[in-house]
Amino acid sequence: MKILFYGTKNYDEQFFDKLLPEFPGIEIKFIEANIHEETASLAKGYEAICAFVNADLSTKVIEELHQQGVKLILMRCAGYNNVDLKTAQKYGIKVLRVPGYSPEAVAEHAMALALTANRHTHKAYIKCRENNFTLNGLMGVNLYKKTAGIIGTGKIGQAMARICKGFGMRVIAYDLFPNKSLDFLEYVSLDELLATSDLISLHCPLTDETKHIINEKTIAQMKDGVILVNTSRGGLIKTEDLISGIRDHKFFAVGLDVYEEESDYVFEDLSESIMQTSLIQRLLSFPNVTMTSHQGFFTEEALTNIAETTMENARAYMNGEELKNEVLS
């Protein structure tokens, strides 16, 4: 089976090439171009394509992949909100994903964002490099004995809850499908979580129900001085409402690894470019906002697991085995 990997970086090639000898019968070609309507035709002659979280797998793209004979879409990530599953199913194209690559990698980054935004360590580093050892602008708050609110208690949310528990925090959570076996957190309603949490961390998938779950109304329900962290999906937050909340001094700190505009920018070096939209620049202009470029997954362990599961998904399809990680519409 021949697989065309879209939107690849050198680290993708490093981890997949290392595994390839263990999967005879599978050929891989890496290209830097990401998949969208204009590049889908490059998949001609390939039975499968592999894409990442920032790929465009909308209706027209999948229709073009079908025209090129593609039968399998391998997502080397957990999320699939960027895939038109109904159109894929219509054409008999299977969609497989990596449901869990390293929950701890993302959860640890979420806490790193919370700590950095809270204690301004990024600013302190820059100040010290300039021989400025004053503490002006670096005041933070203790997390110990505060309340952490976890929205979404899948594997990543659970890992974040354990970290918060280790910090001596009270941990509450909201999930449409509560896991009653988790004894290190307490499930509450979304309204109660918003009203009582000192730290809110988002760990739910992006669906029609969760899109813009953080909006003007839910922000108004939060405590003044709350810390908000998002390492899940940018669309969970209505950015314009977040900006209004920041300007109204609702948040003590905000840490974002994902944001609504990221699909065109993420993983790219645009340092010499003039950005066409302003949301990201507006967020970065606030002194209490810390942003990273969708790097929560970026650890050696996570990349190894992503490569292994993606290749195992491909082999299972090739051999007609059970597709344990298939995404159904």
C-alpha atoms as a PDB file:
ATOM      1  CA  MET A   1       0.000   0.000   0.000  1.00  0.00           C
ATOM      2  CA  LYS A   2       1.238   3.467  -0.940  1.00  0.00           C
ATOM      3  CA  ILE A   3       0.530   6.331   1.463  1.00  0.00           C
ATOM      4  CA  LEU A   4       1.000  10.023   0.704  1.00  0.00           C
ATOM      5  CA  PHE A   5       1.793  12.038   3.831  1.00  0.00           C
ATOM      6  CA  TYR A   6       0.624  15.637   3.592  1.00  0.00           C
ATOM      7  CA  GLY A   7       1.956  18.598   5.573  1.00  0.00           C
ATOM      8  CA  THR A   8       5.011  16.821   6.935  1.00  0.00           C
ATOM      9  CA  LYS A   9       7.922  18.304   8.848  1.00  0.00           C
ATOM     10  CA  ASN A  10      11.358  16.812   9.454  1.00  0.00           C
ATOM     11  CA  TYR A  11      10.233  15.367  12.789  1.00  0.00           C
ATOM     12  CA  ASP A  12       7.391  13.486  11.061  1.00  0.00           C
ATOM     13  CA  GLU A  13       9.853  11.864   8.678  1.00  0.00           C
ATOM     14  CA  GLN A  14      12.210  11.048  11.538  1.00  0.00           C
ATOM     15  CA  PHE A  15       9.660   9.080  13.562  1.00  0.00           C
ATOM     16  CA  PHE A  16       7.867   7.368  10.663  1.00  0.00           C
ATOM     17  CA  ASP A  17      11.031   6.401   8.780  1.00  0.00           C
ATOM     18  CA  LYS A  18      12.329   4.777  11.956  1.00  0.00           C
ATOM     19  CA  LEU A  19       9.271   2.494  12.077  1.00  0.00           C
ATOM     20  CA  LEU A  20       8.841   1.774   8.372  1.00  0.00           C
ATOM     21  CA  PRO A  21      11.033  -1.391   8.281  1.00  0.00           C
ATOM     22  CA  GLU A  22       8.607  -3.002  10.736  1.00  0.00           C
ATOM     23  CA  PHE A  23       5.741  -2.633   8.253  1.00  0.00           C
ATOM     24  CA  PRO A  24       6.598  -4.483   5.037  1.00  0.00           C
ATOM     25  CA  GLY A  25       4.267  -3.818   2.147  1.00  0.00           C
ATOM     26  CA  ILE A  26       3.740  -0.173   3.041  1.00  0.00           C
ATOM     27  CA  GLU A  27       5.392   2.616   1.051  1.00  0.00           C
ATOM     28  CA  ILE A  28       5.427   6.223   2.231  1.00  0.00           C
ATOM     29  CA  LYS A  29       6.015   9.499   0.436  1.00  0.00           C
ATOM     30  CA  PHE A  30       6.342  12.713   2.460  1.00  0.00           C
ATOM     31  CA  ILE A  31       5.441  16.131   1.047  1.00  0.00           C
ATOM     32  CA  GLU A  32       5.552  19.507   2.772  1.00  0.00           C
ATOM     33  CA  ALA A  33       2.373  20.775   1.132  1.00  0.00           C
ATOM     34  CA  ASN A  34      -0.708  20.438   3.258  1.00  0.00           C
ATOM     35  CA  ILE A  35      -3.891  18.988   1.855  1.00  0.00           C
ATOM     36  CA  HIS A  36      -6.574  21.287   0.503  1.00  0.00           C
ATOM     37  CA  GLU A  37      -8.623  21.494  -2.675  1.00  0.00           C
ATOM     38  CA  GLU A  38      -5.656  22.429  -4.862  1.00  0.00           C
ATOM     39  CA  THR A  39      -3.310  19.702  -3.581  1.00  0.00           C
ATOM     40  CA  ALA A  40      -5.724  16.775  -3.259  1.00  0.00           C
ATOM     41  CA  SER A  41      -4.961  15.754  -6.852  1.00  0.00           C
ATOM     42  CA  LEU A  42      -1.404  14.893  -5.768  1.00  0.00           C
ATOM     43  CA  ALA A  43      -2.871  11.753  -4.195  1.00  0.00           C
ATOM     44  CA  LYS A  44      -3.353  10.107  -7.600  1.00  0.00           C
ATOM     45  CA  GLY A  45      -1.868   6.619  -7.478  1.00  0.00           C
ATOM     46  CA  TYR A  46      -2.027   6.382  -3.675  1.00  0.00           C
ATOM     47  CA  GLU A  47      -4.474   4.151  -1.851  1.00  0.00           C
ATOM     48  CA  ALA A  48      -4.183   6.180   1.327  1.00  0.00           C
ATOM     49  CA  ILE A  49      -3.292   9.653   2.510  1.00  0.00           C
ATOM     50  CA  CYS A  50      -2.123  10.747   5.935  1.00  0.00           C
ATOM     51  CA  ALA A  51      -2.991  14.165   7.346  1.00  0.00           C
ATOM     52  CA  PHE A  52      -2.637  16.135  10.543  1.00  0.00           C
ATOM     53  CA  VAL A  53      -4.879  18.304  12.678  1.00  0.00           C
ATOM     54  CA  ASN A  54      -4.455  21.389  10.464  1.00  0.00           C
ATOM     55  CA  ALA A  55      -5.531  19.634   7.241  1.00  0.00           C
ATOM     56  CA  ASP A  56      -8.522  20.639   5.115  1.00  0.00           C
ATOM     57  CA  LEU A  57     -10.584  17.509   4.565  1.00  0.00           C
ATOM     58  CA  SER A  58     -13.823  19.223   3.657  1.00  0.00           C
ATOM     59  CA  THR A  59     -16.405  18.005   1.149  1.00  0.00           C
ATOM     60  CA  LYS A  60     -14.659  19.134  -2.033  1.00  0.00           C
ATOM     61  CA  VAL A  61     -11.301  17.782  -0.890  1.00  0.00           C
ATOM     62  CA  ILE A  62     -12.715  14.343  -0.123  1.00  0.00           C
ATOM     63  CA  GLU A  63     -14.583  14.329  -3.427  1.00  0.00           C
ATOM     64  CA  GLU A  64     -11.261  14.982  -5.171  1.00  0.00           C
ATOM     65  CA  LEU A  65      -9.547  12.246  -3.152  1.00  0.00           C
ATOM     66  CA  HIS A  66     -12.290   9.869  -4.266  1.00  0.00           C
ATOM     67  CA  GLN A  67     -11.661  10.849  -7.875  1.00  0.00           C
ATOM     68  CA  GLN A  68      -7.980  10.011  -7.382  1.00  0.00           C
ATOM     69  CA  GLY A  69      -8.800   6.551  -6.023  1.00  0.00           C
ATOM     70  CA  VAL A  70      -8.014   7.140  -2.344  1.00  0.00           C
ATOM     71  CA  LYS A  71      -9.679   4.584  -0.069  1.00  0.00           C
ATOM     72  CA  LEU A  72      -8.201   5.466   3.322  1.00  0.00           C
ATOM     73  CA  ILE A  73      -7.590   8.652   5.311  1.00  0.00           C
ATOM     74  CA  LEU A  74      -5.125   8.254   8.165  1.00  0.00           C
ATOM     75  CA  MET A  75      -5.264  11.062  10.727  1.00  0.00           C
ATOM     76  CA  ARG A  76      -2.016  11.208  12.692  1.00  0.00           C
ATOM     77  CA  CYS A  77      -3.838  12.951  15.532  1.00  0.00           C
ATOM     78  CA  ALA A  78      -6.828  12.426  17.793  1.00  0.00           C
ATOM     79  CA  GLY A  79      -9.095  15.169  16.443  1.00  0.00           C
ATOM     80  CA  TYR A  80     -11.182  14.785  13.312  1.00  0.00           C
ATOM     81  CA  ASN A  81     -13.475  17.832  13.354  1.00  0.00           C
ATOM     82  CA  ASN A  82     -11.771  18.946  10.126  1.00  0.00           C
ATOM     83  CA  VAL A  83     -12.952  15.814   8.262  1.00  0.00           C
ATOM     84  CA  ASP A  84     -16.275  15.616   6.389  1.00  0.00           C
ATOM     85  CA  LEU A  85     -17.135  12.137   7.637  1.00  0.00           C
ATOM     86  CA  LYS A  86     -20.464  11.927   5.798  1.00  0.00           C
ATOM     87  CA  THR A  87     -18.830  12.510   2.418  1.00  0.00           C
ATOM     88  CA  ALA A  88     -16.060  10.038   3.252  1.00  0.00           C
ATOM     89  CA  GLN A  89     -18.655   7.415   4.174  1.00  0.00           C
ATOM     90  CA  LYS A  90     -20.603   8.178   1.002  1.00  0.00           C
ATOM     91  CA  TYR A  91     -17.573   7.229  -1.089  1.00  0.00           C
ATOM     92  CA  GLY A  92     -16.533   4.305   1.091  1.00  0.00           C
ATOM     93  CA  ILE A  93     -13.387   6.053   2.317  1.00  0.00           C
ATOM     94  CA  LYS A  94     -12.318   4.814   5.727  1.00  0.00           C
ATOM     95  CA  VAL A  95     -11.097   7.357   8.286  1.00  0.00           C
ATOM     96  CA  LEU A  96      -8.756   6.168  11.042  1.00  0.00           C
ATOM     97  CA  ARG A  97      -7.218   8.230  13.819  1.00  0.00           C
ATOM     98  CA  VAL A  98      -4.867   8.078  16.802  1.00  0.00           C
ATOM     99  CA  PRO A  99      -7.259   8.298  19.755  1.00  0.00           C
ATOM    100  CA  GLY A 100      -4.631   8.480  22.497  1.00  0.00           C
ATOM    101  CA  TYR A 101      -0.961   9.164  21.863  1.00  0.00           C
ATOM    102  CA  SER A 102       0.157  10.683  25.163  1.00  0.00           C
ATOM    103  CA  PRO A 103      -2.464  12.285  27.401  1.00  0.00           C
ATOM    104  CA  GLU A 104       0.276  13.321  29.788  1.00  0.00           C
ATOM    105  CA  ALA A 105       2.113  15.269  27.076  1.00  0.00           C
ATOM    106  CA  VAL A 106      -0.867  17.551  26.485  1.00  0.00           C
ATOM    107  CA  ALA A 107      -1.833  17.775  30.160  1.00  0.00           C
ATOM    108  CA  GLU A 108       1.711  18.693  31.199  1.00  0.00           C
ATOM    109  CA  HIS A 109       1.741  21.425  28.555  1.00  0.00           C
ATOM    110  CA  ALA A 110      -1.606  22.689  29.820  1.00  0.00           C
ATOM    111  CA  MET A 111      -0.165  23.049  33.314  1.00  0.00           C
ATOM    112  CA  ALA A 112       2.984  24.628  31.876  1.00  0.00           C
ATOM    113  CA  LEU A 113       0.794  27.229  30.171  1.00  0.00           C
ATOM    114  CA  ALA A 114      -1.131  27.845  33.378  1.00  0.00           C
ATOM    115  CA  LEU A 115       2.084  28.312  35.353  1.00  0.00           C
ATOM    116  CA  THR A 116       3.738  30.469  32.701  1.00  0.00           C
ATOM    117  CA  ALA A 117       0.705  32.715  32.289  1.00  0.00           C
ATOM    118  CA  ASN A 118       0.265  32.934  36.059  1.00  0.00           C
ATOM    119  CA  ARG A 119       3.885  33.520  37.127  1.00  0.00           C
ATOM    120  CA  HIS A 120       5.008  35.338  33.940  1.00  0.00           C
ATOM    121  CA  THR A 121       8.072  33.138  33.553  1.00  0.00           C
ATOM    122  CA  HIS A 122       8.342  34.009  29.850  1.00  0.00           C
ATOM    123  CA  LYS A 123       8.615  37.697  30.741  1.00  0.00           C
ATOM    124  CA  ALA A 124      11.003  37.025  33.627  1.00  0.00           C
ATOM    125  CA  TYR A 125      13.351  35.172  31.261  1.00  0.00           C
ATOM    126  CA  ILE A 126      13.389  38.075  28.810  1.00  0.00           C
ATOM    127  CA  LYS A 127      13.947  40.603  31.617  1.00  0.00           C
ATOM    128  CA  CYS A 128      16.881  38.641  33.014  1.00  0.00           C
ATOM    129  CA  ARG A 129      18.465  38.390  29.558  1.00  0.00           C
ATOM    130  CA  GLU A 130      18.412  42.188  29.497  1.00  0.00           C
ATOM    131  CA  ASN A 131      20.009  42.358  32.968  1.00  0.00           C
ATOM    132  CA  ASN A 132      16.716  43.566  34.416  1.00  0.00           C
ATOM    133  CA  PHE A 133      16.209  41.795  37.719  1.00  0.00           C
ATOM    134  CA  THR A 134      13.227  43.758  39.013  1.00  0.00           C
ATOM    135  CA  LEU A 135       9.993  41.971  39.855  1.00  0.00           C
ATOM    136  CA  ASN A 136       7.670  44.551  38.359  1.00  0.00           C
ATOM    137  CA  GLY A 137       4.831  42.935  36.419  1.00  0.00           C
ATOM    138  CA  LEU A 138       5.644  39.415  37.601  1.00  0.00           C
ATOM    139  CA  MET A 139       3.123  38.978  40.432  1.00  0.00           C
ATOM    140  CA  GLY A 140       1.281  35.662  40.381  1.00  0.00           C
ATOM    141  CA  VAL A 141      -1.144  33.746  42.586  1.00  0.00           C
ATOM    142  CA  ASN A 142      -0.856  30.420  44.431  1.00  0.00           C
ATOM    143  CA  LEU A 143      -2.594  27.428  42.874  1.00  0.00           C
ATOM    144  CA  TYR A 144      -2.368  25.487  46.138  1.00  0.00           C
ATOM    145  CA  LYS A 145      -5.797  25.102  47.786  1.00  0.00           C
ATOM    146  CA  LYS A 146      -7.483  26.756  44.785  1.00  0.00           C
ATOM    147  CA  THR A 147     -10.171  25.064  42.672  1.00  0.00           C
ATOM    148  CA  ALA A 148      -9.341  23.594  39.264  1.00  0.00           C
ATOM    149  CA  GLY A 149     -12.241  23.103  36.850  1.00  0.00           C
ATOM    150  CA  ILE A 150     -11.683  20.507  34.127  1.00  0.00           C
ATOM    151  CA  ILE A 151     -14.090  20.633  31.176  1.00  0.00           C
ATOM    152  CA  GLY A 152     -13.911  17.211  29.535  1.00  0.00           C
ATOM    153  CA  THR A 153     -12.605  14.178  31.401  1.00  0.00           C
ATOM    154  CA  GLY A 154     -11.230  11.963  28.682  1.00  0.00           C
ATOM    155  CA  LYS A 155      -7.673  10.712  29.002  1.00  0.00           C
ATOM    156  CA  ILE A 156      -6.124  14.176  28.719  1.00  0.00           C
ATOM    157  CA  GLY A 157      -8.623  15.757  31.093  1.00  0.00           C
ATOM    158  CA  GLN A 158      -7.979  12.998  33.621  1.00  0.00           C
ATOM    159  CA  ALA A 159      -4.219  13.535  33.346  1.00  0.00           C
ATOM    160  CA  MET A 160      -4.672  17.265  33.916  1.00  0.00           C
ATOM    161  CA  ALA A 161      -6.921  16.561  36.903  1.00  0.00           C
ATOM    162  CA  ARG A 162      -4.228  14.373  38.468  1.00  0.00           C
ATOM    163  CA  ILE A 163      -1.635  17.112  37.978  1.00  0.00           C
ATOM    164  CA  CYS A 164      -3.912  19.677  39.610  1.00  0.00           C
ATOM    165  CA  LYS A 165      -4.566  17.269  42.474  1.00  0.00           C
ATOM    166  CA  GLY A 166      -0.818  16.941  42.918  1.00  0.00           C
ATOM    167  CA  PHE A 167      -0.587  20.716  43.243  1.00  0.00           C
ATOM    168  CA  GLY A 168      -2.910  20.514  46.226  1.00  0.00           C
ATOM    169  CA  MET A 169      -5.910  21.861  44.367  1.00  0.00           C
ATOM    170  CA  ARG A 170      -9.536  20.885  44.722  1.00  0.00           C
ATOM    171  CA  VAL A 171     -10.513  19.378  41.361  1.00  0.00           C
ATOM    172  CA  ILE A 172     -14.016  19.620  39.932  1.00  0.00           C
ATOM    173  CA  ALA A 173     -15.093  18.566  36.453  1.00  0.00           C
ATOM    174  CA  TYR A 174     -17.862  18.768  33.895  1.00  0.00           C
ATOM    175  CA  ASP A 175     -18.509  16.138  31.247  1.00  0.00           C
ATOM    176  CA  LEU A 176     -21.598  15.091  29.317  1.00  0.00           C
ATOM    177  CA  PHE A 177     -20.658  11.509  30.154  1.00  0.00           C
ATOM    178  CA  PRO A 178     -19.229  11.489  33.698  1.00  0.00           C
ATOM    179  CA  ASN A 179     -16.806   8.731  34.659  1.00  0.00           C
ATOM    180  CA  LYS A 180     -17.925   7.838  38.169  1.00  0.00           C
ATOM    181  CA  SER A 181     -14.829   5.703  38.794  1.00  0.00           C
ATOM    182  CA  LEU A 182     -12.572   8.765  39.043  1.00  0.00           C
ATOM    183  CA  ASP A 183     -12.020   9.354  42.745  1.00  0.00           C
ATOM    184  CA  PHE A 184      -9.635  12.307  42.376  1.00  0.00           C
ATOM    185  CA  LEU A 185     -12.256  14.733  41.070  1.00  0.00           C
ATOM    186  CA  GLU A 186     -15.835  15.778  41.724  1.00  0.00           C
ATOM    187  CA  TYR A 187     -18.373  16.163  38.918  1.00  0.00           C
ATOM    188  CA  VAL A 188     -20.484  19.310  38.982  1.00  0.00           C
ATOM    189  CA  SER A 189     -22.721  21.176  36.557  1.00  0.00           C
ATOM    190  CA  LEU A 190     -21.108  23.490  34.012  1.00  0.00           C
ATOM    191  CA  ASP A 191     -22.670  26.485  35.766  1.00  0.00           C
ATOM    192  CA  GLU A 192     -21.123  25.485  39.100  1.00  0.00           C
ATOM    193  CA  LEU A 193     -17.732  24.816  37.522  1.00  0.00           C
ATOM    194  CA  LEU A 194     -17.689  28.222  35.851  1.00  0.00           C
ATOM    195  CA  ALA A 195     -18.761  30.014  39.030  1.00  0.00           C
ATOM    196  CA  THR A 196     -16.341  28.343  41.459  1.00  0.00           C
ATOM    197  CA  SER A 197     -13.134  27.521  39.518  1.00  0.00           C
ATOM    198  CA  ASP A 198      -9.935  29.526  39.920  1.00  0.00           C
ATOM    199  CA  LEU A 199      -8.343  27.628  37.020  1.00  0.00           C
ATOM    200  CA  ILE A 200     -10.400  26.369  34.066  1.00  0.00           C
ATOM    201  CA  SER A 201      -8.761  23.971  31.615  1.00  0.00           C
ATOM    202  CA  LEU A 202     -10.492  22.829  28.421  1.00  0.00           C
ATOM    203  CA  HIS A 203     -10.102  19.191  27.369  1.00  0.00           C
ATOM    204  CA  CYS A 204     -13.220  18.384  25.361  1.00  0.00           C
ATOM    205  CA  PRO A 205     -13.529  17.645  21.627  1.00  0.00           C
ATOM    206  CA  LEU A 206     -14.874  20.278  19.250  1.00  0.00           C
ATOM    207  CA  THR A 207     -18.461  19.355  18.320  1.00  0.00           C
ATOM    208  CA  ASP A 208     -21.630  21.249  17.501  1.00  0.00           C
ATOM    209  CA  GLU A 209     -22.447  21.118  21.219  1.00  0.00           C
ATOM    210  CA  THR A 210     -19.075  22.372  22.447  1.00  0.00           C
ATOM    211  CA  LYS A 211     -18.273  24.992  19.803  1.00  0.00           C
ATOM    212  CA  HIS A 212     -17.851  28.350  21.562  1.00  0.00           C
ATOM    213  CA  ILE A 213     -18.584  26.791  24.940  1.00  0.00           C
ATOM    214  CA  ILE A 214     -16.533  29.707  26.231  1.00  0.00           C
ATOM    215  CA  ASN A 215     -18.490  32.767  25.160  1.00  0.00           C
ATOM    216  CA  GLU A 216     -19.833  36.047  26.521  1.00  0.00           C
ATOM    217  CA  LYS A 217     -22.430  34.280  28.670  1.00  0.00           C
ATOM    218  CA  THR A 218     -20.138  31.632  30.156  1.00  0.00           C
ATOM    219  CA  ILE A 219     -17.331  34.148  30.695  1.00  0.00           C
ATOM    220  CA  ALA A 220     -19.745  36.304  32.689  1.00  0.00           C
ATOM    221  CA  GLN A 221     -20.434  33.300  34.931  1.00  0.00           C
ATOM    222  CA  MET A 222     -16.749  32.886  35.810  1.00  0.00           C
ATOM    223  CA  LYS A 223     -15.078  34.230  38.921  1.00  0.00           C
ATOM    224  CA  ASP A 224     -13.174  37.453  38.510  1.00  0.00           C
ATOM    225  CA  GLY A 225      -9.462  36.720  38.260  1.00  0.00           C
ATOM    226  CA  VAL A 226      -9.871  33.236  36.777  1.00  0.00           C
ATOM    227  CA  ILE A 227      -7.054  31.543  34.850  1.00  0.00           C
ATOM    228  CA  LEU A 228      -8.201  29.986  31.550  1.00  0.00           C
ATOM    229  CA  VAL A 229      -6.195  27.390  29.602  1.00  0.00           C
ATOM    230  CA  ASN A 230      -7.030  25.794  26.238  1.00  0.00           C
ATOM    231  CA  THR A 231      -4.941  22.958  24.778  1.00  0.00           C
ATOM    232  CA  SER A 232      -7.846  21.234  23.027  1.00  0.00           C
ATOM    233  CA  ARG A 233      -9.401  23.042  20.036  1.00  0.00           C
ATOM    234  CA  GLY A 234      -9.477  26.744  19.215  1.00  0.00           C
ATOM    235  CA  GLY A 235     -13.164  26.663  18.321  1.00  0.00           C
ATOM    236  CA  LEU A 236     -14.105  25.934  21.922  1.00  0.00           C
ATOM    237  CA  ILE A 237     -13.589  29.643  22.622  1.00  0.00           C
ATOM    238  CA  LYS A 238     -15.339  32.511  20.870  1.00  0.00           C
ATOM    239  CA  THR A 239     -12.276  34.677  20.496  1.00  0.00           C
ATOM    240  CA  GLU A 240     -14.011  38.036  20.228  1.00  0.00           C
ATOM    241  CA  ASP A 241     -15.796  37.346  23.520  1.00  0.00           C
ATOM    242  CA  LEU A 242     -12.522  36.238  25.133  1.00  0.00           C
ATOM    243  CA  ILE A 243     -10.860  39.483  24.052  1.00  0.00           C
ATOM    244  CA  SER A 244     -13.753  41.463  25.530  1.00  0.00           C
ATOM    245  CA  GLY A 245     -13.403  39.518  28.779  1.00  0.00           C
ATOM    246  CA  ILE A 246      -9.674  40.188  28.928  1.00  0.00           C
ATOM    247  CA  ARG A 247     -10.279  43.903  28.383  1.00  0.00           C
ATOM    248  CA  ASP A 248     -12.859  43.854  31.166  1.00  0.00           C
ATOM    249  CA  HIS A 249     -10.200  42.387  33.515  1.00  0.00           C
ATOM    250  CA  LYS A 250     -12.177  39.150  33.957  1.00  0.00           C
ATOM    251  CA  PHE A 251      -9.079  36.951  33.650  1.00  0.00           C
ATOM    252  CA  PHE A 252      -5.968  36.921  35.781  1.00  0.00           C
ATOM    253  CA  ALA A 253      -4.202  34.982  33.016  1.00  0.00           C
ATOM    254  CA  VAL A 254      -4.953  33.109  29.803  1.00  0.00           C
ATOM    255  CA  GLY A 255      -2.849  30.314  28.288  1.00  0.00           C
ATOM    256  CA  LEU A 256      -3.618  29.202  24.730  1.00  0.00           C
ATOM    257  CA  ASP A 257      -1.997  26.433  22.701  1.00  0.00           C
ATOM    258  CA  VAL A 258      -4.861  26.498  20.176  1.00  0.00           C
ATOM    259  CA  TYR A 259      -6.923  29.327  18.728  1.00  0.00           C
ATOM    260  CA  GLU A 260      -9.554  29.842  16.065  1.00  0.00           C
ATOM    261  CA  GLU A 261      -7.276  31.288  13.370  1.00  0.00           C
ATOM    262  CA  GLU A 262      -4.527  28.724  13.724  1.00  0.00           C
ATOM    263  CA  SER A 263      -5.277  26.484  10.730  1.00  0.00           C
ATOM    264  CA  ASP A 264      -3.553  28.835   8.260  1.00  0.00           C
ATOM    265  CA  TYR A 265      -0.590  29.613  10.508  1.00  0.00           C
ATOM    266  CA  VAL A 266       0.162  26.678  12.776  1.00  0.00           C
ATOM    267  CA  PHE A 267       3.547  24.975  12.321  1.00  0.00           C
ATOM    268  CA  GLU A 268       4.659  27.635   9.802  1.00  0.00           C
ATOM    269  CA  ASP A 269       7.365  30.306  10.095  1.00  0.00           C
ATOM    270  CA  LEU A 270       5.596  33.572   9.276  1.00  0.00           C
ATOM    271  CA  SER A 271       8.086  35.845  10.999  1.00  0.00           C
ATOM    272  CA  GLU A 272       8.698  37.721   7.731  1.00  0.00           C
ATOM    273  CA  SER A 273       5.022  37.916   6.780  1.00  0.00           C
ATOM    274  CA  ILE A 274       2.336  40.510   7.269  1.00  0.00           C
ATOM    275  CA  MET A 275      -0.596  38.770   8.917  1.00  0.00           C
ATOM    276  CA  GLN A 276      -3.903  39.341   7.167  1.00  0.00           C
ATOM    277  CA  THR A 277      -6.103  39.086  10.263  1.00  0.00           C
ATOM    278  CA  SER A 278      -5.761  40.551  13.704  1.00  0.00           C
ATOM    279  CA  LEU A 279      -7.179  38.133  16.293  1.00  0.00           C
ATOM    280  CA  ILE A 280      -3.852  36.499  17.119  1.00  0.00           C
ATOM    281  CA  GLN A 281      -2.056  39.848  17.291  1.00  0.00           C
ATOM    282  CA  ARG A 282      -4.777  41.244  19.535  1.00  0.00           C
ATOM    283  CA  LEU A 283      -4.436  38.301  21.906  1.00  0.00           C
ATOM    284  CA  LEU A 284      -0.651  38.628  21.984  1.00  0.00           C
ATOM    285  CA  SER A 285      -0.948  42.319  22.814  1.00  0.00           C
ATOM    286  CA  PHE A 286      -2.326  41.566  26.286  1.00  0.00           C
ATOM    287  CA  PRO A 287       0.234  41.260  29.088  1.00  0.00           C
ATOM    288  CA  ASN A 288      -1.653  38.401  30.793  1.00  0.00           C
ATOM    289  CA  VAL A 289      -1.941  36.145  27.716  1.00  0.00           C
ATOM    290  CA  THR A 290       0.579  33.411  26.906  1.00  0.00           C
ATOM    291  CA  MET A 291       0.383  31.580  23.565  1.00  0.00           C
ATOM    292  CA  THR A 292       2.169  28.610  22.027  1.00  0.00           C
ATOM    293  CA  SER A 293       1.778  27.073  18.574  1.00  0.00           C
ATOM    294  CA  HIS A 294      -0.202  23.856  19.086  1.00  0.00           C
ATOM    295  CA  GLN A 295       2.748  22.085  20.660  1.00  0.00           C
ATOM    296  CA  GLY A 296       0.953  20.207  23.430  1.00  0.00           C
ATOM    297  CA  PHE A 297       1.530  16.909  21.618  1.00  0.00           C
ATOM    298  CA  PHE A 298       5.184  17.642  20.866  1.00  0.00           C
ATOM    299  CA  THR A 299       7.165  15.169  22.959  1.00  0.00           C
ATOM    300  CA  GLU A 300       9.308  12.235  21.889  1.00  0.00           C
ATOM    301  CA  GLU A 301       6.929   9.800  23.537  1.00  0.00           C
ATOM    302  CA  ALA A 302       3.843  11.272  21.886  1.00  0.00           C
ATOM    303  CA  LEU A 303       5.396  11.363  18.405  1.00  0.00           C
ATOM    304  CA  THR A 304       6.519   7.756  18.798  1.00  0.00           C
ATOM    305  CA  ASN A 305       3.005   6.699  19.775  1.00  0.00           C
ATOM    306  CA  ILE A 306       1.468   8.670  16.908  1.00  0.00           C
ATOM    307  CA  ALA A 307       3.735   6.981  14.382  1.00  0.00           C
ATOM    308  CA  GLU A 308       3.159   3.514  15.815  1.00  0.00           C
ATOM    309  CA  THR A 309      -0.624   3.794  15.926  1.00  0.00           C
ATOM    310  CA  THR A 310      -0.846   5.373  12.463  1.00  0.00           C
ATOM    311  CA  MET A 311       1.226   2.588  10.929  1.00  0.00           C
ATOM    312  CA  GLU A 312      -0.731  -0.069  12.795  1.00  0.00           C
ATOM    313  CA  ASN A 313      -3.954   1.488  11.476  1.00  0.00           C
ATOM    314  CA  ALA A 314      -2.571   1.297   7.945  1.00  0.00           C
ATOM    315  CA  ARG A 315      -1.521  -2.329   8.371  1.00  0.00           C
ATOM    316  CA  ALA A 316      -4.895  -3.307   9.809  1.00  0.00           C
ATOM    317  CA  TYR A 317      -6.643  -1.808   6.780  1.00  0.00           C
ATOM    318  CA  MET A 318      -4.194  -3.400   4.346  1.00  0.00           C
ATOM    319  CA  ASN A 319      -4.647  -6.847   5.920  1.00  0.00           C
ATOM    320  CA  GLY A 320      -8.424  -6.614   6.237  1.00  0.00           C
ATOM    321  CA  GLU A 321      -8.276  -6.702  10.040  1.00  0.00           C
ATOM    322  CA  GLU A 322     -10.572  -5.016  12.548  1.00  0.00           C
ATOM    323  CA  LEU A 323     -10.292  -1.230  12.351  1.00  0.00           C
ATOM    324  CA  LYS A 324     -10.247  -0.403  16.047  1.00  0.00           C
ATOM    325  CA  ASN A 325      -9.555   3.282  15.506  1.00  0.00           C
ATOM    326  CA  GLU A 326     -12.081   3.938  12.743  1.00  0.00           C
ATOM    327  CA  VAL A 327     -14.061   7.182  12.955  1.00  0.00           C
ATOM    328  CA  LEU A 328     -17.718   6.767  12.051  1.00  0.00           C
ATOM    329  CA  SER A 329     -20.049   9.591  11.016  1.00  0.00           C
END
